[in-house]
Amino acid sequence: MEQNKRIVHFKINGDSYALHLDAVERVVHAVYVTPIPRAPEIVTGIINIEGTVIPVIDVRKCFRLPLVKLHPDHRFIIANSAKRKVALMVDSVGEVMECEPGDIENEKTVLPEMPFVKGIVVLENGLILINDIDKFLSLEDEKILEDALNNRQ
C-alpha cells in the first residue's frame, strides 16, 4: 500500500507550487545574492549559508513568469537535488501538507510537456503543482554551473 506524501507548499506570483518534503532541507529569509559570471540563465547567483556556497535558482525564470526584484519578505527554499544543494527563490512558503496517494494526479496525463512538474494536487480552491527539484537544471545547465562555480574569484 502506498503511503501518504508530505509536501512543502509555496507561492510564486500568486500561484501554488510544492516540493516533496524529503527534498527540502529548510526555509530561510531572502538574503543578498552574489552574481556569478557565466552561470545558467535560471541561476541568479550564489548565497553563503553557514559556510556552504549555494546556487540560487529563480523559479520565475523556469516558469517564464514576470521577474521581480528580490525583497526581504521573499524566501529561499534550501533543497537537495540529486547533484547539489540549491536555493529556490520564492515569494512565500506555506505549510507542510500531507497528501494521500489518491490526492496527487499524475502529471503525465495532465501536463505531459512540463518537465518541472512531478504531480498535481487538486484542492477545492485550486491546484498545487508539485515540482521535481532534479529537473530545474538540465545536464548542460549543471555543467555550465559547475564551471562557473569552479572559476569564480
Foldseek 3Di string as FASTA:
>chain_A
DDFKWKWWWAAAPRDIATETPVFFDDKDFDDDFDAFPQAPPQFRHWDADPNDIATEGEVCVVVVHDDDDRDRQWMWTFGQAPVGTHTYTGNGIDDIDIGGPVQWAQCCVVPVPRQQFGTWGDDPVGIYTYGRVHRSADPVNVVSNVVRVVPGD
